[in-house]
Amino acid sequence: MRVGRSAAALGGSVAAASAAAISLGRWYRRFDWEGEPDEHLSADTPDGWRISLARYRPQAEPRPYPLVLSHGFAGTGLIYDLGPRWSLARYLAASGFDVFCVDLRGRRRSWPMEGPDPSLQWSFDDFVERDLPAAVDAACNAAGADSAFWLGMEMSGQMLYAAAISGTTTRVRGGITFGSPALTPPSAKVPGVTSAPRGRRGGRVPFRSGARPAGPILAYARSKQLDSSFRMAHTNPLPVARYFRNGVPDESLVLADQFRDWVTHGVMCSLDGSTVWSDHLDAVDLPLLLVAAAADLQRPPGAVEATANAIGGSDTTFVRAGKDHGFALDYGHDDLLVAEAAVADVFPLVRGWLVERSV
């Protein structure tokens, strides 16, 4: 009888565990979101990479210039479309812009023709010299335009400054940056650079293996562990869970080390040190809107303001997104795109700036 009872108990435990696993699997599947673009395009770089772009066609009278949206470090273009309520891409397409969300090399569909290869590395220089001009060319050619706007989150805003200095923005007519200081202070909490994760595996900083299972749980727990990216008091957990589940890739060690060197030495420079972009911000002569989140722990707003002051162009605007400056809340790093208030607060700011320069 004791054996029978033990077997029955074991069977009940297995059944309960199986039911729990099925339930958990169903819960996770609701976060399997890949965005809903109208089409996928690609741009070939001179060194053999195929860069993916998700296109959102204009849903109103078309504006004359397309817009390329690009992500930050250890990010993807998915940050711009996490659902109908949390989509800057769809918002701007509804205003008549032909929108292209790019995935820079080494993430999602953006790999050489042969496919993903764990031995491959990439640096910030690759983005500046190859990926940015290739993506802009592809957007202009698809839209039938001679130039395009660039909107860069964090790292991709830094790319725009560097590309303007290096001469690879010939088809960029202006840009918007979100949380993009040229120099990031050592006190900043930049995941994989100045804060966790600090692990290294197979040539990568392994963001994805932690983000996929833990991100949704932390989002619904409204954990303060996410504060350097999303301030959950301001944000619906669904888009955050979707992003961590599907939008966070592993990142190149070469790139992570390059950023770490910048923070350590107080410069923004090429991989070989021959070009110090942060010393030449006065050469940036594009119309620019620099938006800083007032409560950004990754890229402090003071550092973004210092960058704006150093830029040499005559059409440079700095905005601090916080309560003291007329915004509904003190935005965190990614809140600028995902916070519930952003659609009424931040998105119209972006649209208005673009519309004024689309004549």
Protein backbone atom coordinates (compact mmCIF):
# COMPACT_ATOMS: atom_id res chain seq x y z
CA MET A 1 0.00 0.00 0.00
CA ARG A 2 2.85 2.39 0.76
CA VAL A 3 4.31 1.83 -2.71
CA GLY A 4 0.94 2.45 -4.31
CA ARG A 5 0.42 5.63 -2.41
CA SER A 6 3.89 6.87 -3.32
CA ALA A 7 3.31 6.10 -6.98
CA ALA A 8 -0.02 7.89 -6.90
CA ALA A 9 1.55 10.88 -5.20
CA LEU A 10 4.35 10.94 -7.75
CA GLY A 11 1.88 10.70 -10.58
CA GLY A 12 -0.09 13.60 -9.15
CA SER A 13 3.06 15.70 -8.84
CA VAL A 14 4.05 14.99 -12.43
CA ALA A 15 0.57 15.87 -13.66
CA ALA A 16 0.59 19.11 -11.69
CA ALA A 17 4.05 20.00 -12.99
CA SER A 18 2.97 19.26 -16.57
CA ALA A 19 -0.13 21.40 -16.19
CA ALA A 20 1.95 24.23 -14.76
CA ALA A 21 4.44 23.99 -17.63
CA ILE A 22 1.63 24.10 -20.21
CA SER A 23 0.06 27.08 -18.47
CA LEU A 24 3.41 28.89 -18.31
CA GLY A 25 4.03 28.14 -21.99
CA ARG A 26 0.67 29.63 -22.93
CA TRP A 27 1.41 32.70 -20.82
CA TYR A 28 4.75 33.26 -22.57
CA ARG A 29 3.25 32.81 -26.04
CA ARG A 30 1.22 35.99 -25.67
CA PHE A 31 4.55 37.85 -25.74
CA ASP A 32 5.76 36.28 -29.00
CA TRP A 33 5.45 39.55 -30.89
CA GLU A 34 7.49 40.40 -33.97
CA GLY A 35 5.85 43.72 -34.89
CA GLU A 36 3.37 44.22 -37.70
CA PRO A 37 5.09 46.07 -40.57
CA ASP A 38 3.69 46.28 -44.08
CA GLU A 39 6.77 44.63 -45.54
CA HIS A 40 10.36 43.60 -44.87
CA LEU A 41 13.22 44.98 -46.96
CA SER A 42 16.97 44.55 -46.83
CA ALA A 43 20.03 46.68 -47.50
CA ASP A 44 23.36 45.18 -48.54
CA THR A 45 26.53 46.63 -47.04
CA PRO A 46 29.91 46.75 -48.82
CA ASP A 47 31.33 44.10 -46.46
CA GLY A 48 28.66 41.52 -47.21
CA TRP A 49 26.02 42.00 -44.51
CA ARG A 50 22.29 42.15 -45.27
CA ILE A 51 20.62 44.71 -43.02
CA SER A 52 16.90 44.23 -42.38
CA LEU A 53 14.32 47.01 -42.43
CA ALA A 54 10.65 46.78 -41.47
CA ARG A 55 8.54 49.20 -43.51
CA TYR A 56 5.40 51.00 -42.35
CA ARG A 57 3.84 52.71 -45.35
CA PRO A 58 2.22 56.14 -45.01
CA GLN A 59 -1.44 55.96 -44.04
CA ALA A 60 -2.16 59.61 -44.88
CA GLU A 61 -1.07 62.04 -47.58
CA PRO A 62 2.58 61.01 -48.06
CA ARG A 63 5.30 63.29 -46.75
CA PRO A 64 8.20 63.96 -49.14
CA TYR A 65 10.93 62.32 -47.04
CA PRO A 66 11.05 58.88 -45.39
CA LEU A 67 12.18 58.24 -41.85
CA VAL A 68 14.60 55.58 -40.59
CA LEU A 69 14.20 54.52 -36.94
CA SER A 70 17.19 52.80 -35.34
CA HIS A 71 17.64 51.15 -31.93
CA GLY A 72 20.14 51.22 -29.09
CA PHE A 73 22.86 48.94 -27.75
CA ALA A 74 21.63 45.34 -27.34
CA GLY A 75 18.39 46.39 -28.98
CA THR A 76 16.32 45.93 -32.13
CA GLY A 77 13.86 47.89 -34.23
CA LEU A 78 11.03 46.15 -32.36
CA ILE A 79 11.21 48.91 -29.75
CA TYR A 80 9.32 51.12 -32.21
CA ASP A 81 6.32 48.79 -32.61
CA LEU A 82 5.23 46.79 -29.58
CA GLY A 83 1.52 46.94 -30.35
CA PRO A 84 -1.04 49.45 -31.65
CA ARG A 85 -0.90 51.52 -28.45
CA TRP A 86 2.89 51.52 -28.22
CA SER A 87 4.16 52.17 -31.72
CA LEU A 88 5.98 55.29 -32.81
CA ALA A 89 6.36 53.63 -36.22
CA ARG A 90 2.61 53.35 -36.74
CA TYR A 91 1.97 56.79 -35.25
CA LEU A 92 4.29 58.45 -37.75
CA ALA A 93 2.99 56.33 -40.65
CA ALA A 94 -0.50 57.55 -39.76
CA SER A 95 0.87 61.09 -40.15
CA GLY A 96 2.04 60.39 -43.71
CA PHE A 97 5.64 59.31 -43.15
CA ASP A 98 7.14 56.30 -44.89
CA VAL A 99 8.79 54.66 -41.88
CA PHE A 100 11.62 52.10 -41.88
CA CYS A 101 12.69 50.40 -38.64
CA VAL A 102 16.19 49.02 -39.02
CA ASP A 103 17.90 46.15 -37.24
CA LEU A 104 21.63 46.83 -37.29
CA ARG A 105 24.00 43.95 -37.96
CA GLY A 106 24.09 41.00 -35.60
CA ARG A 107 20.42 40.79 -34.60
CA ARG A 108 17.18 39.23 -35.84
CA ARG A 109 17.33 39.11 -39.69
CA SER A 110 20.49 41.23 -40.09
CA TRP A 111 23.34 38.87 -40.95
CA PRO A 112 25.49 38.02 -43.96
CA MET A 113 23.89 35.98 -46.75
CA GLU A 114 25.15 32.77 -45.10
CA GLY A 115 23.14 33.46 -41.97
CA PRO A 116 23.96 33.94 -38.28
CA ASP A 117 27.49 33.06 -37.24
CA PRO A 118 28.57 33.11 -33.58
CA SER A 119 32.17 33.84 -34.58
CA LEU A 120 31.30 37.19 -36.14
CA GLN A 121 32.02 40.44 -34.32
CA TRP A 122 31.05 44.03 -35.06
CA SER A 123 31.91 47.48 -33.76
CA PHE A 124 30.39 50.94 -33.61
CA ASP A 125 32.55 51.82 -36.61
CA ASP A 126 30.69 49.22 -38.71
CA PHE A 127 27.39 50.90 -37.92
CA VAL A 128 28.71 54.36 -38.77
CA GLU A 129 30.60 53.49 -41.95
CA ARG A 130 28.37 50.77 -43.40
CA ASP A 131 24.99 50.09 -41.77
CA LEU A 132 23.72 53.64 -41.44
CA PRO A 133 24.39 54.71 -45.05
CA ALA A 134 23.10 51.36 -46.39
CA ALA A 135 19.85 51.65 -44.42
CA VAL A 136 19.29 55.26 -45.47
CA ASP A 137 19.98 54.44 -49.11
CA ALA A 138 17.50 51.56 -49.00
CA ALA A 139 14.79 53.72 -47.43
CA CYS A 140 15.32 56.54 -49.93
CA ASN A 141 15.28 54.16 -52.88
CA ALA A 142 12.13 52.38 -51.68
CA ALA A 143 10.34 55.67 -51.03
CA GLY A 144 11.58 57.39 -54.18
CA ALA A 145 13.19 60.22 -52.22
CA ASP A 146 16.58 61.88 -52.42
CA SER A 147 17.08 62.04 -48.63
CA ALA A 148 15.65 60.78 -45.35
CA PHE A 149 15.39 61.65 -41.68
CA TRP A 150 17.09 59.51 -39.04
CA LEU A 151 15.75 58.87 -35.54
CA GLY A 152 18.24 57.14 -33.29
CA MET A 153 17.67 55.70 -29.85
CA GLU A 154 20.75 56.03 -27.61
CA MET A 155 23.58 54.30 -29.54
CA SER A 156 21.95 55.07 -32.91
CA GLY A 157 21.82 58.74 -32.02
CA GLN A 158 25.54 58.62 -31.29
CA MET A 159 25.94 56.96 -34.69
CA LEU A 160 24.30 59.95 -36.32
CA TYR A 161 26.77 62.38 -34.72
CA ALA A 162 29.73 60.22 -35.74
CA ALA A 163 28.42 59.68 -39.27
CA ALA A 164 27.92 63.42 -39.75
CA ILE A 165 31.54 63.97 -38.74
CA SER A 166 32.84 61.06 -40.84
CA GLY A 167 30.88 62.05 -43.95
CA THR A 168 28.49 59.07 -44.22
CA THR A 169 25.28 61.10 -43.89
CA THR A 170 25.11 62.38 -47.47
CA ARG A 171 21.44 61.34 -47.76
CA VAL A 172 20.40 62.32 -44.21
CA ARG A 173 18.57 65.64 -44.10
CA GLY A 174 18.20 65.81 -40.31
CA GLY A 175 17.73 63.71 -37.24
CA ILE A 176 16.23 63.13 -33.82
CA THR A 177 18.08 61.43 -30.98
CA PHE A 178 16.63 59.91 -27.80
CA GLY A 179 18.99 59.65 -24.84
CA SER A 180 22.13 60.00 -26.94
CA PRO A 181 25.04 61.77 -25.24
CA ALA A 182 28.38 61.72 -27.00
CA LEU A 183 29.99 61.04 -23.61
CA THR A 184 28.37 58.75 -21.05
CA PRO A 185 29.57 59.24 -17.44
CA PRO A 186 30.91 56.27 -15.43
CA SER A 187 28.00 56.66 -12.98
CA ALA A 188 25.48 55.71 -15.69
CA LYS A 189 23.85 52.27 -15.49
CA VAL A 190 24.43 50.91 -18.98
CA PRO A 191 23.63 47.16 -19.09
CA GLY A 192 26.57 45.12 -20.30
CA VAL A 193 28.93 48.10 -20.08
CA THR A 194 28.83 49.68 -16.61
CA SER A 195 26.26 47.34 -15.00
CA ALA A 196 24.99 43.74 -15.22
CA PRO A 197 25.04 41.53 -17.17
CA ARG A 198 28.81 41.26 -16.97
CA GLY A 199 29.09 37.72 -18.29
CA ARG A 200 30.72 36.76 -21.58
CA ARG A 201 30.03 33.70 -23.64
CA GLY A 202 31.09 32.70 -27.13
CA GLY A 203 32.10 36.19 -28.20
CA ARG A 204 28.91 37.78 -26.92
CA VAL A 205 27.43 39.58 -23.95
CA PRO A 206 24.55 37.12 -23.33
CA PHE A 207 21.56 39.42 -22.92
CA ARG A 208 19.02 37.20 -24.68
CA SER A 209 19.26 34.12 -22.48
CA GLY A 210 18.28 36.15 -19.42
CA ALA A 211 15.86 38.58 -21.03
CA ARG A 212 13.61 35.99 -22.71
CA PRO A 213 12.52 34.07 -19.61
CA ALA A 214 12.99 36.69 -16.90
CA GLY A 215 11.94 39.89 -18.68
CA PRO A 216 8.19 39.19 -18.80
CA ILE A 217 8.15 38.09 -15.16
CA LEU A 218 10.01 41.22 -14.05
CA ALA A 219 7.70 43.39 -16.16
CA TYR A 220 4.53 42.01 -14.58
CA ALA A 221 6.12 42.17 -11.14
CA ARG A 222 6.88 45.83 -11.91
CA SER A 223 10.40 45.17 -10.70
CA LYS A 224 12.79 48.01 -10.00
CA GLN A 225 15.46 45.88 -11.65
CA LEU A 226 14.14 47.27 -14.93
CA ASP A 227 14.39 50.93 -13.91
CA SER A 228 17.49 51.63 -16.01
CA SER A 229 15.43 50.78 -19.11
CA PHE A 230 11.71 51.05 -18.26
CA ARG A 231 10.16 52.74 -15.25
CA MET A 232 7.32 50.31 -14.68
CA ALA A 233 5.25 52.79 -12.66
CA HIS A 234 4.69 54.61 -15.98
CA THR A 235 4.40 51.64 -18.30
CA ASN A 236 1.99 48.85 -19.19
CA PRO A 237 3.83 45.54 -18.61
CA LEU A 238 2.65 43.99 -21.91
CA PRO A 239 4.91 45.94 -24.33
CA VAL A 240 7.84 45.61 -21.93
CA ALA A 241 7.33 41.85 -21.70
CA ARG A 242 7.10 41.63 -25.49
CA TYR A 243 10.32 43.54 -25.93
CA PHE A 244 12.33 41.48 -23.47
CA ARG A 245 10.91 38.27 -24.91
CA ASN A 246 11.65 39.07 -28.57
CA GLY A 247 13.62 42.30 -28.93
CA VAL A 248 16.82 41.84 -26.90
CA PRO A 249 19.74 40.18 -28.72
CA ASP A 250 23.12 39.07 -27.52
CA GLU A 251 25.66 41.79 -28.30
CA SER A 252 29.17 41.77 -29.74
CA LEU A 253 32.00 41.79 -27.21
CA VAL A 254 33.98 44.12 -29.47
CA LEU A 255 31.16 46.67 -29.34
CA ALA A 256 30.66 46.30 -25.58
CA ASP A 257 34.39 46.74 -24.96
CA GLN A 258 34.47 49.77 -27.25
CA PHE A 259 31.71 51.40 -25.22
CA ARG A 260 33.43 50.49 -21.97
CA ASP A 261 36.62 52.16 -23.19
CA TRP A 262 34.66 55.29 -24.04
CA VAL A 263 33.19 55.50 -20.55
CA THR A 264 36.55 54.78 -18.90
CA HIS A 265 38.52 57.33 -20.92
CA GLY A 266 35.83 59.96 -21.48
CA VAL A 267 35.86 59.85 -25.28
CA MET A 268 33.75 58.65 -28.19
CA CYS A 269 36.20 57.35 -30.76
CA SER A 270 36.78 54.85 -33.54
CA LEU A 271 37.94 51.35 -32.70
CA ASP A 272 41.58 52.13 -33.51
CA GLY A 273 41.44 55.50 -31.74
CA SER A 274 42.34 57.46 -34.87
CA THR A 275 39.07 59.43 -34.95
CA VAL A 276 37.79 61.03 -31.75
CA TRP A 277 34.25 62.00 -32.72
CA SER A 278 33.57 63.65 -29.36
CA ASP A 279 36.29 66.21 -30.14
CA HIS A 280 34.55 67.29 -33.36
CA LEU A 281 30.90 67.79 -32.45
CA ASP A 282 31.19 71.35 -33.69
CA ALA A 283 31.46 69.85 -37.20
CA VAL A 284 27.95 68.35 -36.98
CA ASP A 285 25.81 70.56 -39.19
CA LEU A 286 22.48 68.73 -39.51
CA PRO A 287 19.13 69.90 -38.17
CA LEU A 288 18.85 67.98 -34.88
CA LEU A 289 16.39 67.46 -32.07
CA LEU A 290 18.03 65.93 -28.99
CA VAL A 291 15.53 64.52 -26.49
CA ALA A 292 16.72 63.53 -23.02
CA ALA A 293 14.61 61.62 -20.51
CA ALA A 294 14.62 63.50 -17.21
CA ALA A 295 14.99 60.30 -15.15
CA ASP A 296 17.25 58.37 -17.53
CA LEU A 297 19.65 56.19 -15.53
CA GLN A 298 21.46 54.89 -18.62
CA ARG A 299 22.14 58.16 -20.42
CA PRO A 300 21.79 61.05 -17.96
CA PRO A 301 20.03 64.13 -19.32
CA GLY A 302 22.87 66.45 -18.35
CA ALA A 303 25.22 64.53 -20.64
CA VAL A 304 22.75 64.84 -23.52
CA GLU A 305 22.42 68.59 -22.90
CA ALA A 306 26.22 68.95 -22.93
CA THR A 307 26.26 67.23 -26.32
CA ALA A 308 23.59 69.55 -27.66
CA ASN A 309 25.61 72.55 -26.53
CA ALA A 310 28.73 71.23 -28.27
CA ILE A 311 27.08 70.58 -31.65
CA GLY A 312 27.94 73.21 -34.20
CA GLY A 313 24.82 73.32 -36.35
CA SER A 314 22.50 76.31 -36.38
CA ASP A 315 19.32 74.19 -36.06
CA THR A 316 19.86 72.23 -32.84
CA THR A 317 17.09 71.82 -30.27
CA PHE A 318 17.43 70.21 -26.85
CA VAL A 319 14.39 68.98 -24.90
CA ARG A 320 14.38 67.49 -21.41
CA ALA A 321 11.34 65.23 -21.07
CA GLY A 322 10.25 65.80 -17.50
CA LYS A 323 7.61 67.41 -15.34
CA ASP A 324 9.62 70.62 -14.86
CA HIS A 325 9.51 71.12 -18.63
CA GLY A 326 5.80 70.55 -19.25
CA PHE A 327 5.72 66.78 -19.67
CA ALA A 328 3.31 64.49 -17.88
CA LEU A 329 6.07 62.63 -16.06
CA ASP A 330 9.79 62.32 -15.57
CA TYR A 331 10.59 59.85 -18.33
CA GLY A 332 13.06 57.00 -18.00
CA HIS A 333 15.30 55.68 -20.78
CA ASP A 334 12.88 53.60 -22.88
CA ASP A 335 9.78 55.28 -21.45
CA LEU A 336 10.12 57.83 -24.25
CA LEU A 337 8.73 55.14 -26.56
CA VAL A 338 6.65 52.89 -24.33
CA ALA A 339 5.25 54.85 -21.36
CA GLU A 340 1.48 55.26 -21.43
CA ALA A 341 1.86 59.06 -21.55
CA ALA A 342 4.35 59.06 -24.43
CA VAL A 343 1.70 58.96 -27.18
CA ALA A 344 0.30 62.30 -26.02
CA ASP A 345 3.56 63.74 -24.72
CA VAL A 346 6.53 62.62 -26.81
CA PHE A 347 5.12 61.37 -30.12
CA PRO A 348 3.59 64.76 -31.11
CA LEU A 349 6.93 66.43 -30.37
CA VAL A 350 8.63 64.11 -32.85
CA ARG A 351 5.92 64.52 -35.48
CA GLY A 352 5.89 68.31 -35.19
CA TRP A 353 9.65 68.60 -35.59
CA LEU A 354 9.62 66.34 -38.65
CA VAL A 355 6.65 68.07 -40.28
CA GLU A 356 8.29 71.49 -39.90
CA ARG A 357 11.37 70.20 -41.75
CA SER A 358 9.51 68.28 -44.44
CA VAL A 359 8.84 71.20 -46.73
